[in-house]
Amino acid sequence: MDRMDKETKMPKCVGIIMDGNRRWAKQQGLLVFKGHRAGAEKLKEVLRWAKDASVMHVICYAFSTENWNRSNEEVSGLMGLLAEFLEKELDTFYTEGGVLHCVGDMSRLAENF
């Protein structure tokens, strides 16, 4: 399987690890949640760039099992942000031809959705 589009030299698949949002917020003198929100907004921007560049697949690693060990307030904020993101963006995402696959242990997410 080719990993690059031979004509455009663009990758067919891009992987993103959502990391550093808390550090970024702290460096900016902002609350941690503001960093997570900025990361979500940047992800929307990156997905648009990928679509415009004809990247076929974007894999996003957004929440590890270690993240459950953060404060209840932060985990609750992240789950709320995820729910908000999906509620506001998913219909448009699907309308534009996007496909969402979730992998991993979803059992704890079910408690929040």
PDB file of N, CA and C in Angstrom:
ATOM      1  N   MET A   1       0.835  -1.179   0.000  1.00  0.00           N
ATOM      2  CA  MET A   1       0.000   0.000   0.000  1.00  0.00           C
ATOM      3  C   MET A   1       0.883   1.245   0.000  1.00  0.00           C
ATOM      4  N   ASP A   2       0.595   2.169  -0.891  1.00  0.00           N
ATOM      5  CA  ASP A   2       1.340   3.422  -0.941  1.00  0.00           C
ATOM      6  C   ASP A   2       0.946   4.305   0.226  1.00  0.00           C
ATOM      7  N   ARG A   3       1.927   4.914   0.847  1.00  0.00           N
ATOM      8  CA  ARG A   3       1.667   5.797   1.973  1.00  0.00           C
ATOM      9  C   ARG A   3       1.535   7.255   1.548  1.00  0.00           C
ATOM     10  N   MET A   4       2.006   7.536   0.329  1.00  0.00           N
ATOM     11  CA  MET A   4       1.968   8.905  -0.170  1.00  0.00           C
ATOM     12  C   MET A   4       1.223   8.926  -1.494  1.00  0.00           C
ATOM     13  N   ASP A   5       0.536  10.022  -1.747  1.00  0.00           N
ATOM     14  CA  ASP A   5      -0.056  10.251  -3.056  1.00  0.00           C
ATOM     15  C   ASP A   5       1.087  10.653  -3.974  1.00  0.00           C
ATOM     16  N   LYS A   6       1.347   9.855  -4.982  1.00  0.00           N
ATOM     17  CA  LYS A   6       2.516  10.073  -5.841  1.00  0.00           C
ATOM     18  C   LYS A   6       2.473  11.414  -6.582  1.00  0.00           C
ATOM     19  N   GLU A   7       1.293  11.878  -6.949  1.00  0.00           N
ATOM     20  CA  GLU A   7       1.191  13.134  -7.694  1.00  0.00           C
ATOM     21  C   GLU A   7       1.425  14.353  -6.816  1.00  0.00           C
ATOM     22  N   THR A   8       0.865  14.354  -5.633  1.00  0.00           N
ATOM     23  CA  THR A   8       0.955  15.544  -4.770  1.00  0.00           C
ATOM     24  C   THR A   8       2.044  15.449  -3.713  1.00  0.00           C
ATOM     25  N   LYS A   9       2.590  14.262  -3.522  1.00  0.00           N
ATOM     26  CA  LYS A   9       3.582  14.012  -2.467  1.00  0.00           C
ATOM     27  C   LYS A   9       3.007  14.269  -1.068  1.00  0.00           C
ATOM     28  N   MET A  10       1.682  14.146  -0.954  1.00  0.00           N
ATOM     29  CA  MET A  10       1.015  14.320   0.337  1.00  0.00           C
ATOM     30  C   MET A  10       0.798  12.952   0.973  1.00  0.00           C
ATOM     31  N   PRO A  11       0.909  12.875   2.282  1.00  0.00           N
ATOM     32  CA  PRO A  11       0.616  11.596   2.936  1.00  0.00           C
ATOM     33  C   PRO A  11      -0.868  11.279   2.814  1.00  0.00           C
ATOM     34  N   LYS A  12      -1.185  10.012   2.800  1.00  0.00           N
ATOM     35  CA  LYS A  12      -2.579   9.582   2.771  1.00  0.00           C
ATOM     36  C   LYS A  12      -3.148   9.487   4.183  1.00  0.00           C
ATOM     37  N   CYS A  13      -2.252   9.349   5.155  1.00  0.00           N
ATOM     38  CA  CYS A  13      -2.677   9.207   6.550  1.00  0.00           C
ATOM     39  C   CYS A  13      -1.769  10.047   7.438  1.00  0.00           C
ATOM     40  N   VAL A  14      -2.376  10.771   8.379  1.00  0.00           N
ATOM     41  CA  VAL A  14      -1.624  11.592   9.324  1.00  0.00           C
ATOM     42  C   VAL A  14      -2.086  11.217  10.729  1.00  0.00           C
ATOM     43  N   GLY A  15      -1.150  11.057  11.636  1.00  0.00           N
ATOM     44  CA  GLY A  15      -1.471  10.771  13.023  1.00  0.00           C
ATOM     45  C   GLY A  15      -1.193  11.973  13.897  1.00  0.00           C
ATOM     46  N   ILE A  16      -2.089  12.226  14.841  1.00  0.00           N
ATOM     47  CA  ILE A  16      -1.953  13.356  15.761  1.00  0.00           C
ATOM     48  C   ILE A  16      -2.088  12.835  17.181  1.00  0.00           C
ATOM     49  N   ILE A  17      -1.163  13.231  18.033  1.00  0.00           N
ATOM     50  CA  ILE A  17      -1.276  12.943  19.464  1.00  0.00           C
ATOM     51  C   ILE A  17      -1.601  14.257  20.150  1.00  0.00           C
ATOM     52  N   MET A  18      -2.787  14.314  20.756  1.00  0.00           N
ATOM     53  CA  MET A  18      -3.201  15.527  21.455  1.00  0.00           C
ATOM     54  C   MET A  18      -2.433  15.574  22.783  1.00  0.00           C
ATOM     55  N   ASP A  19      -1.407  16.397  22.820  1.00  0.00           N
ATOM     56  CA  ASP A  19      -0.560  16.469  24.003  1.00  0.00           C
ATOM     57  C   ASP A  19      -0.049  17.900  24.139  1.00  0.00           C
ATOM     58  N   GLY A  20       0.097  18.340  25.366  1.00  0.00           N
ATOM     59  CA  GLY A  20       0.707  19.641  25.611  1.00  0.00           C
ATOM     60  C   GLY A  20      -0.272  20.779  25.823  1.00  0.00           C
ATOM     61  N   ASN A  21      -1.567  20.492  25.800  1.00  0.00           N
ATOM     62  CA  ASN A  21      -2.541  21.565  25.980  1.00  0.00           C
ATOM     63  C   ASN A  21      -2.472  22.187  27.372  1.00  0.00           C
ATOM     64  N   ARG A  22      -2.247  21.364  28.395  1.00  0.00           N
ATOM     65  CA  ARG A  22      -2.120  21.904  29.761  1.00  0.00           C
ATOM     66  C   ARG A  22      -0.866  22.752  29.880  1.00  0.00           C
ATOM     67  N   ARG A  23       0.244  22.244  29.348  1.00  0.00           N
ATOM     68  CA  ARG A  23       1.493  23.016  29.404  1.00  0.00           C
ATOM     69  C   ARG A  23       1.343  24.351  28.693  1.00  0.00           C
ATOM     70  N   TRP A  24       0.717  24.313  27.512  1.00  0.00           N
ATOM     71  CA  TRP A  24       0.512  25.538  26.747  1.00  0.00           C
ATOM     72  C   TRP A  24      -0.310  26.541  27.553  1.00  0.00           C
ATOM     73  N   ALA A  25      -1.405  26.076  28.156  1.00  0.00           N
ATOM     74  CA  ALA A  25      -2.265  26.971  28.944  1.00  0.00           C
ATOM     75  C   ALA A  25      -1.488  27.579  30.104  1.00  0.00           C
ATOM     76  N   LYS A  26      -0.721  26.769  30.802  1.00  0.00           N
ATOM     77  CA  LYS A  26       0.060  27.277  31.937  1.00  0.00           C
ATOM     78  C   LYS A  26       1.082  28.313  31.482  1.00  0.00           C
ATOM     79  N   GLN A  27       1.721  28.066  30.342  1.00  0.00           N
ATOM     80  CA  GLN A  27       2.698  29.023  29.805  1.00  0.00           C
ATOM     81  C   GLN A  27       2.039  30.343  29.425  1.00  0.00           C
ATOM     82  N   GLN A  28       0.758  30.273  29.046  1.00  0.00           N
ATOM     83  CA  GLN A  28       0.021  31.478  28.669  1.00  0.00           C
ATOM     84  C   GLN A  28      -0.633  32.148  29.874  1.00  0.00           C
ATOM     85  N   GLY A  29      -0.496  31.530  31.052  1.00  0.00           N
ATOM     86  CA  GLY A  29      -1.147  32.059  32.252  1.00  0.00           C
ATOM     87  C   GLY A  29      -2.651  31.815  32.259  1.00  0.00           C
ATOM     88  N   LEU A  30      -3.088  30.765  31.575  1.00  0.00           N
ATOM     89  CA  LEU A  30      -4.504  30.446  31.465  1.00  0.00           C
ATOM     90  C   LEU A  30      -4.857  29.221  32.299  1.00  0.00           C
ATOM     91  N   LEU A  31      -6.138  29.049  32.539  1.00  0.00           N
ATOM     92  CA  LEU A  31      -6.605  27.835  33.193  1.00  0.00           C
ATOM     93  C   LEU A  31      -6.375  26.639  32.274  1.00  0.00           C
ATOM     94  N   VAL A  32      -6.147  25.486  32.868  1.00  0.00           N
ATOM     95  CA  VAL A  32      -5.875  24.265  32.116  1.00  0.00           C
ATOM     96  C   VAL A  32      -6.971  23.996  31.089  1.00  0.00           C
ATOM     97  N   PHE A  33      -8.225  24.185  31.483  1.00  0.00           N
ATOM     98  CA  PHE A  33      -9.329  23.902  30.571  1.00  0.00           C
ATOM     99  C   PHE A  33      -9.250  24.753  29.309  1.00  0.00           C
ATOM    100  N   LYS A  34      -8.755  25.971  29.430  1.00  0.00           N
ATOM    101  CA  LYS A  34      -8.600  26.831  28.242  1.00  0.00           C
ATOM    102  C   LYS A  34      -7.620  26.194  27.254  1.00  0.00           C
ATOM    103  N   GLY A  35      -6.614  25.507  27.761  1.00  0.00           N
ATOM    104  CA  GLY A  35      -5.668  24.806  26.898  1.00  0.00           C
ATOM    105  C   GLY A  35      -6.330  23.654  26.165  1.00  0.00           C
ATOM    106  N   HIS A  36      -7.178  22.926  26.876  1.00  0.00           N
ATOM    107  CA  HIS A  36      -7.891  21.823  26.233  1.00  0.00           C
ATOM    108  C   HIS A  36      -8.834  22.354  25.148  1.00  0.00           C
ATOM    109  N   ARG A  37      -9.517  23.442  25.436  1.00  0.00           N
ATOM    110  CA  ARG A  37     -10.422  24.033  24.445  1.00  0.00           C
ATOM    111  C   ARG A  37      -9.634  24.522  23.222  1.00  0.00           C
ATOM    112  N   ALA A  38      -8.483  25.151  23.466  1.00  0.00           N
ATOM    113  CA  ALA A  38      -7.644  25.614  22.349  1.00  0.00           C
ATOM    114  C   ALA A  38      -7.174  24.421  21.510  1.00  0.00           C
ATOM    115  N   GLY A  39      -6.852  23.308  22.162  1.00  0.00           N
ATOM    116  CA  GLY A  39      -6.452  22.098  21.444  1.00  0.00           C
ATOM    117  C   GLY A  39      -7.575  21.560  20.574  1.00  0.00           C
ATOM    118  N   ALA A  40      -8.803  21.590  21.084  1.00  0.00           N
ATOM    119  CA  ALA A  40      -9.953  21.123  20.309  1.00  0.00           C
ATOM    120  C   ALA A  40     -10.179  22.023  19.093  1.00  0.00           C
ATOM    121  N   GLU A  41     -10.039  23.316  19.293  1.00  0.00           N
ATOM    122  CA  GLU A  41     -10.196  24.250  18.171  1.00  0.00           C
ATOM    123  C   GLU A  41      -9.099  24.033  17.128  1.00  0.00           C
ATOM    124  N   LYS A  42      -7.877  23.784  17.595  1.00  0.00           N
ATOM    125  CA  LYS A  42      -6.779  23.526  16.658  1.00  0.00           C
ATOM    126  C   LYS A  42      -7.022  22.227  15.900  1.00  0.00           C
ATOM    127  N   LEU A  43      -7.568  21.213  16.559  1.00  0.00           N
ATOM    128  CA  LEU A  43      -7.881  19.958  15.874  1.00  0.00           C
ATOM    129  C   LEU A  43      -8.867  20.202  14.738  1.00  0.00           C
ATOM    130  N   LYS A  44      -9.901  21.016  14.985  1.00  0.00           N
ATOM    131  CA  LYS A  44     -10.848  21.337  13.912  1.00  0.00           C
ATOM    132  C   LYS A  44     -10.125  21.991  12.740  1.00  0.00           C
ATOM    133  N   GLU A  45      -9.207  22.875  13.042  1.00  0.00           N
ATOM    134  CA  GLU A  45      -8.432  23.550  11.997  1.00  0.00           C
ATOM    135  C   GLU A  45      -7.566  22.550  11.225  1.00  0.00           C
ATOM    136  N   VAL A  46      -6.916  21.660  11.927  1.00  0.00           N
ATOM    137  CA  VAL A  46      -6.055  20.660  11.290  1.00  0.00           C
ATOM    138  C   VAL A  46      -6.884  19.716  10.418  1.00  0.00           C
ATOM    139  N   LEU A  47      -8.065  19.326  10.898  1.00  0.00           N
ATOM    140  CA  LEU A  47      -8.931  18.468  10.085  1.00  0.00           C
ATOM    141  C   LEU A  47      -9.327  19.168   8.787  1.00  0.00           C
ATOM    142  N   ARG A  48      -9.572  20.454   8.854  1.00  0.00           N
ATOM    143  CA  ARG A  48      -9.900  21.222   7.644  1.00  0.00           C
ATOM    144  C   ARG A  48      -8.692  21.247   6.701  1.00  0.00           C
ATOM    145  N   TRP A  49      -7.500  21.495   7.241  1.00  0.00           N
ATOM    146  CA  TRP A  49      -6.284  21.493   6.414  1.00  0.00           C
ATOM    147  C   TRP A  49      -6.110  20.135   5.731  1.00  0.00           C
ATOM    148  N   ALA A  50      -6.308  19.070   6.518  1.00  0.00           N
ATOM    149  CA  ALA A  50      -6.137  17.716   5.973  1.00  0.00           C
ATOM    150  C   ALA A  50      -7.133  17.466   4.842  1.00  0.00           C
ATOM    151  N   LYS A  51      -8.376  17.865   5.044  1.00  0.00           N
ATOM    152  CA  LYS A  51      -9.381  17.690   4.001  1.00  0.00           C
ATOM    153  C   LYS A  51      -8.998  18.480   2.752  1.00  0.00           C
ATOM    154  N   ASP A  52      -8.596  19.725   2.947  1.00  0.00           N
ATOM    155  CA  ASP A  52      -8.209  20.571   1.808  1.00  0.00           C
ATOM    156  C   ASP A  52      -7.001  20.012   1.058  1.00  0.00           C
ATOM    157  N   ALA A  53      -6.133  19.290   1.776  1.00  0.00           N
ATOM    158  CA  ALA A  53      -4.933  18.711   1.169  1.00  0.00           C
ATOM    159  C   ALA A  53      -5.174  17.288   0.664  1.00  0.00           C
ATOM    160  N   SER A  54      -6.425  16.831   0.740  1.00  0.00           N
ATOM    161  CA  SER A  54      -6.812  15.492   0.288  1.00  0.00           C
ATOM    162  C   SER A  54      -6.141  14.372   1.078  1.00  0.00           C
ATOM    163  N   VAL A  55      -5.840  14.625   2.342  1.00  0.00           N
ATOM    164  CA  VAL A  55      -5.359  13.562   3.225  1.00  0.00           C
ATOM    165  C   VAL A  55      -6.569  12.682   3.527  1.00  0.00           C
ATOM    166  N   MET A  56      -6.441  11.401   3.275  1.00  0.00           N
ATOM    167  CA  MET A  56      -7.585  10.488   3.373  1.00  0.00           C
ATOM    168  C   MET A  56      -7.935  10.074   4.796  1.00  0.00           C
ATOM    169  N   HIS A  57      -6.928   9.979   5.664  1.00  0.00           N
ATOM    170  CA  HIS A  57      -7.156   9.479   7.021  1.00  0.00           C
ATOM    171  C   HIS A  57      -6.397  10.342   8.021  1.00  0.00           C
ATOM    172  N   VAL A  58      -7.078  10.722   9.087  1.00  0.00           N
ATOM    173  CA  VAL A  58      -6.438  11.412  10.202  1.00  0.00           C
ATOM    174  C   VAL A  58      -6.744  10.591  11.448  1.00  0.00           C
ATOM    175  N   ILE A  59      -5.694  10.168  12.109  1.00  0.00           N
ATOM    176  CA  ILE A  59      -5.833   9.392  13.341  1.00  0.00           C
ATOM    177  C   ILE A  59      -5.486  10.329  14.489  1.00  0.00           C
ATOM    178  N   CYS A  60      -6.393  10.429  15.443  1.00  0.00           N
ATOM    179  CA  CYS A  60      -6.194  11.345  16.561  1.00  0.00           C
ATOM    180  C   CYS A  60      -6.230  10.565  17.873  1.00  0.00           C
ATOM    181  N   TYR A  61      -5.128  10.631  18.604  1.00  0.00           N
ATOM    182  CA  TYR A  61      -5.036  10.001  19.917  1.00  0.00           C
ATOM    183  C   TYR A  61      -5.296  11.101  20.939  1.00  0.00           C
ATOM    184  N   ALA A  62      -6.436  11.021  21.614  1.00  0.00           N
ATOM    185  CA  ALA A  62      -6.868  12.177  22.393  1.00  0.00           C
ATOM    186  C   ALA A  62      -6.981  11.950  23.896  1.00  0.00           C
ATOM    187  N   PHE A  63      -7.080  10.728  24.366  1.00  0.00           N
ATOM    188  CA  PHE A  63      -7.316  10.527  25.798  1.00  0.00           C
ATOM    189  C   PHE A  63      -6.792   9.158  26.192  1.00  0.00           C
ATOM    190  N   SER A  64      -5.743   9.143  26.991  1.00  0.00           N
ATOM    191  CA  SER A  64      -5.158   7.868  27.415  1.00  0.00           C
ATOM    192  C   SER A  64      -5.763   7.426  28.741  1.00  0.00           C
ATOM    193  N   THR A  65      -5.537   6.179  29.091  1.00  0.00           N
ATOM    194  CA  THR A  65      -6.051   5.677  30.369  1.00  0.00           C
ATOM    195  C   THR A  65      -5.453   6.444  31.542  1.00  0.00           C
ATOM    196  N   GLU A  66      -4.238   6.957  31.384  1.00  0.00           N
ATOM    197  CA  GLU A  66      -3.618   7.732  32.455  1.00  0.00           C
ATOM    198  C   GLU A  66      -4.372   9.038  32.722  1.00  0.00           C
ATOM    199  N   ASN A  67      -5.073   9.548  31.703  1.00  0.00           N
ATOM    200  CA  ASN A  67      -5.824  10.793  31.874  1.00  0.00           C
ATOM    201  C   ASN A  67      -6.957  10.658  32.889  1.00  0.00           C
ATOM    202  N   TRP A  68      -7.434   9.436  33.123  1.00  0.00           N
ATOM    203  CA  TRP A  68      -8.479   9.241  34.133  1.00  0.00           C
ATOM    204  C   TRP A  68      -7.961   9.556  35.539  1.00  0.00           C
ATOM    205  N   ASN A  69      -6.642   9.591  35.709  1.00  0.00           N
ATOM    206  CA  ASN A  69      -6.053   9.876  37.018  1.00  0.00           C
ATOM    207  C   ASN A  69      -5.975  11.367  37.321  1.00  0.00           C
ATOM    208  N   ARG A  70      -6.344  12.203  36.388  1.00  0.00           N
ATOM    209  CA  ARG A  70      -6.346  13.650  36.628  1.00  0.00           C
ATOM    210  C   ARG A  70      -7.498  13.994  37.565  1.00  0.00           C
ATOM    211  N   SER A  71      -7.545  15.232  37.996  1.00  0.00           N
ATOM    212  CA  SER A  71      -8.597  15.640  38.931  1.00  0.00           C
ATOM    213  C   SER A  71      -9.978  15.406  38.319  1.00  0.00           C
ATOM    214  N   ASN A  72     -10.961  15.166  39.184  1.00  0.00           N
ATOM    215  CA  ASN A  72     -12.328  14.972  38.704  1.00  0.00           C
ATOM    216  C   ASN A  72     -12.790  16.176  37.887  1.00  0.00           C
ATOM    217  N   GLU A  73     -12.382  17.360  38.310  1.00  0.00           N
ATOM    218  CA  GLU A  73     -12.771  18.583  37.605  1.00  0.00           C
ATOM    219  C   GLU A  73     -12.211  18.590  36.170  1.00  0.00           C
ATOM    220  N   GLU A  74     -10.922  18.207  36.034  1.00  0.00           N
ATOM    221  CA  GLU A  74     -10.321  18.212  34.702  1.00  0.00           C
ATOM    222  C   GLU A  74     -10.925  17.130  33.818  1.00  0.00           C
ATOM    223  N   VAL A  75     -11.109  15.926  34.351  1.00  0.00           N
ATOM    224  CA  VAL A  75     -11.707  14.833  33.565  1.00  0.00           C
ATOM    225  C   VAL A  75     -13.120  15.213  33.151  1.00  0.00           C
ATOM    226  N   SER A  76     -13.877  15.763  34.069  1.00  0.00           N
ATOM    227  CA  SER A  76     -15.240  16.189  33.762  1.00  0.00           C
ATOM    228  C   SER A  76     -15.235  17.264  32.677  1.00  0.00           C
ATOM    229  N   GLY A  77     -14.311  18.197  32.767  1.00  0.00           N
ATOM    230  CA  GLY A  77     -14.186  19.237  31.752  1.00  0.00           C
ATOM    231  C   GLY A  77     -13.832  18.665  30.392  1.00  0.00           C
ATOM    232  N   LEU A  78     -12.910  17.698  30.366  1.00  0.00           N
ATOM    233  CA  LEU A  78     -12.534  17.056  29.102  1.00  0.00           C
ATOM    234  C   LEU A  78     -13.697  16.281  28.488  1.00  0.00           C
ATOM    235  N   MET A  79     -14.444  15.562  29.325  1.00  0.00           N
ATOM    236  CA  MET A  79     -15.590  14.806  28.822  1.00  0.00           C
ATOM    237  C   MET A  79     -16.666  15.759  28.301  1.00  0.00           C
ATOM    238  N   GLY A  80     -16.857  16.866  29.001  1.00  0.00           N
ATOM    239  CA  GLY A  80     -17.821  17.870  28.539  1.00  0.00           C
ATOM    240  C   GLY A  80     -17.393  18.482  27.222  1.00  0.00           C
ATOM    241  N   LEU A  81     -16.101  18.750  27.090  1.00  0.00           N
ATOM    242  CA  LEU A  81     -15.571  19.315  25.851  1.00  0.00           C
ATOM    243  C   LEU A  81     -15.736  18.319  24.699  1.00  0.00           C
ATOM    244  N   LEU A  82     -15.478  17.051  24.956  1.00  0.00           N
ATOM    245  CA  LEU A  82     -15.660  16.020  23.941  1.00  0.00           C
ATOM    246  C   LEU A  82     -17.125  15.948  23.515  1.00  0.00           C
ATOM    247  N   ALA A  83     -18.029  15.934  24.487  1.00  0.00           N
ATOM    248  CA  ALA A  83     -19.461  15.878  24.179  1.00  0.00           C
ATOM    249  C   ALA A  83     -19.885  17.104  23.369  1.00  0.00           C
ATOM    250  N   GLU A  84     -19.415  18.271  23.762  1.00  0.00           N
ATOM    251  CA  GLU A  84     -19.741  19.507  23.041  1.00  0.00           C
ATOM    252  C   GLU A  84     -19.211  19.459  21.608  1.00  0.00           C
ATOM    253  N   PHE A  85     -17.980  19.023  21.470  1.00  0.00           N
ATOM    254  CA  PHE A  85     -17.346  18.922  20.156  1.00  0.00           C
ATOM    255  C   PHE A  85     -18.152  17.999  19.247  1.00  0.00           C
ATOM    256  N   LEU A  86     -18.518  16.837  19.761  1.00  0.00           N
ATOM    257  CA  LEU A  86     -19.273  15.872  18.960  1.00  0.00           C
ATOM    258  C   LEU A  86     -20.661  16.404  18.627  1.00  0.00           C
ATOM    259  N   GLU A  87     -21.310  17.032  19.598  1.00  0.00           N
ATOM    260  CA  GLU A  87     -22.653  17.551  19.379  1.00  0.00           C
ATOM    261  C   GLU A  87     -22.668  18.662  18.322  1.00  0.00           C
ATOM    262  N   LYS A  88     -21.682  19.554  18.380  1.00  0.00           N
ATOM    263  CA  LYS A  88     -21.656  20.694  17.469  1.00  0.00           C
ATOM    264  C   LYS A  88     -21.074  20.365  16.102  1.00  0.00           C
ATOM    265  N   GLU A  89     -20.131  19.458  16.036  1.00  0.00           N
ATOM    266  CA  GLU A  89     -19.352  19.263  14.814  1.00  0.00           C
ATOM    267  C   GLU A  89     -19.648  17.988  14.053  1.00  0.00           C
ATOM    268  N   LEU A  90     -20.224  16.991  14.695  1.00  0.00           N
ATOM    269  CA  LEU A  90     -20.325  15.676  14.066  1.00  0.00           C
ATOM    270  C   LEU A  90     -21.204  15.664  12.821  1.00  0.00           C
ATOM    271  N   ASP A  91     -22.339  16.348  12.859  1.00  0.00           N
ATOM    272  CA  ASP A  91     -23.208  16.363  11.671  1.00  0.00           C
ATOM    273  C   ASP A  91     -22.483  16.959  10.472  1.00  0.00           C
ATOM    274  N   THR A  92     -21.797  18.066  10.677  1.00  0.00           N
ATOM    275  CA  THR A  92     -21.044  18.700   9.588  1.00  0.00           C
ATOM    276  C   THR A  92     -19.938  17.778   9.117  1.00  0.00           C
ATOM    277  N   PHE A  93     -19.262  17.153  10.049  1.00  0.00           N
ATOM    278  CA  PHE A  93     -18.188  16.216   9.732  1.00  0.00           C
ATOM    279  C   PHE A  93     -18.705  15.109   8.816  1.00  0.00           C
ATOM    280  N   TYR A  94     -19.834  14.514   9.178  1.00  0.00           N
ATOM    281  CA  TYR A  94     -20.419  13.451   8.356  1.00  0.00           C
ATOM    282  C   TYR A  94     -20.900  13.986   7.013  1.00  0.00           C
ATOM    283  N   THR A  95     -21.539  15.144   7.010  1.00  0.00           N
ATOM    284  CA  THR A  95     -22.030  15.757   5.775  1.00  0.00           C
ATOM    285  C   THR A  95     -20.893  15.972   4.777  1.00  0.00           C
ATOM    286  N   GLU A  96     -19.712  16.306   5.301  1.00  0.00           N
ATOM    287  CA  GLU A  96     -18.557  16.553   4.443  1.00  0.00           C
ATOM    288  C   GLU A  96     -17.796  15.275   4.093  1.00  0.00           C
ATOM    289  N   GLY A  97     -18.374  14.128   4.444  1.00  0.00           N
ATOM    290  CA  GLY A  97     -17.781  12.853   4.059  1.00  0.00           C
ATOM    291  C   GLY A  97     -16.874  12.231   5.098  1.00  0.00           C
ATOM    292  N   GLY A  98     -16.822  12.788   6.287  1.00  0.00           N
ATOM    293  CA  GLY A  98     -15.971  12.238   7.340  1.00  0.00           C
ATOM    294  C   GLY A  98     -16.533  10.948   7.908  1.00  0.00           C
ATOM    295  N   VAL A  99     -15.650  10.145   8.438  1.00  0.00           N
ATOM    296  CA  VAL A  99     -16.022   8.901   9.104  1.00  0.00           C
ATOM    297  C   VAL A  99     -15.279   8.880  10.432  1.00  0.00           C
ATOM    298  N   LEU A 100     -15.994   8.613  11.508  1.00  0.00           N
ATOM    299  CA  LEU A 100     -15.395   8.579  12.838  1.00  0.00           C
ATOM    300  C   LEU A 100     -15.372   7.149  13.336  1.00  0.00           C
ATOM    301  N   HIS A 101     -14.191   6.676  13.710  1.00  0.00           N
ATOM    302  CA  HIS A 101     -14.034   5.370  14.345  1.00  0.00           C
ATOM    303  C   HIS A 101     -13.401   5.624  15.705  1.00  0.00           C
ATOM    304  N   CYS A 102     -13.974   5.075  16.740  1.00  0.00           N
ATOM    305  CA  CYS A 102     -13.405   5.183  18.084  1.00  0.00           C
ATOM    306  C   CYS A 102     -12.841   3.822  18.455  1.00  0.00           C
ATOM    307  N   VAL A 103     -11.654   3.831  19.010  1.00  0.00           N
ATOM    308  CA  VAL A 103     -11.024   2.586  19.422  1.00  0.00           C
ATOM    309  C   VAL A 103     -10.600   2.704  20.874  1.00  0.00           C
ATOM    310  N   GLY A 104     -10.378   1.577  21.476  1.00  0.00           N
ATOM    311  CA  GLY A 104      -9.960   1.560  22.873  1.00  0.00           C
ATOM    312  C   GLY A 104     -11.112   1.145  23.765  1.00  0.00           C
ATOM    313  N   ASP A 105     -10.917   1.285  25.063  1.00  0.00           N
ATOM    314  CA  ASP A 105     -11.919   0.920  26.061  1.00  0.00           C
ATOM    315  C   ASP A 105     -12.932   2.054  26.176  1.00  0.00           C
ATOM    316  N   MET A 106     -14.107   1.858  25.609  1.00  0.00           N
ATOM    317  CA  MET A 106     -15.138   2.885  25.626  1.00  0.00           C
ATOM    318  C   MET A 106     -16.068   2.770  26.825  1.00  0.00           C
ATOM    319  N   SER A 107     -15.875   1.758  27.652  1.00  0.00           N
ATOM    320  CA  SER A 107     -16.814   1.509  28.748  1.00  0.00           C
ATOM    321  C   SER A 107     -16.899   2.690  29.711  1.00  0.00           C
ATOM    322  N   ARG A 108     -15.808   3.353  29.984  1.00  0.00           N
ATOM    323  CA  ARG A 108     -15.850   4.493  30.906  1.00  0.00           C
ATOM    324  C   ARG A 108     -16.451   5.730  30.238  1.00  0.00           C
ATOM    325  N   LEU A 109     -16.340   5.821  28.938  1.00  0.00           N
ATOM    326  CA  LEU A 109     -16.964   6.940  28.241  1.00  0.00           C
ATOM    327  C   LEU A 109     -18.466   6.845  28.318  1.00  0.00           C
ATOM    328  N   ALA A 110     -18.998   5.635  28.290  1.00  0.00           N
ATOM    329  CA  ALA A 110     -20.444   5.439  28.343  1.00  0.00           C
ATOM    330  C   ALA A 110     -21.031   6.078  29.594  1.00  0.00           C
ATOM    331  N   GLU A 111     -20.281   6.142  30.681  1.00  0.00           N
ATOM    332  CA  GLU A 111     -20.752   6.769  31.904  1.00  0.00           C
ATOM    333  C   GLU A 111     -20.978   8.256  31.699  1.00  0.00           C
ATOM    334  N   ASN A 112     -20.269   8.850  30.760  1.00  0.00           N
ATOM    335  CA  ASN A 112     -20.323  10.289  30.570  1.00  0.00           C
ATOM    336  C   ASN A 112     -21.188  10.720  29.385  1.00  0.00           C
ATOM    337  N   PHE A 113     -21.688   9.773  28.611  1.00  0.00           N
ATOM    338  CA  PHE A 113     -22.474  10.122  27.420  1.00  0.00           C
ATOM    339  C   PHE A 113     -23.808   9.427  27.447  1.00  0.00           C
TER     340      PHE A 113
END
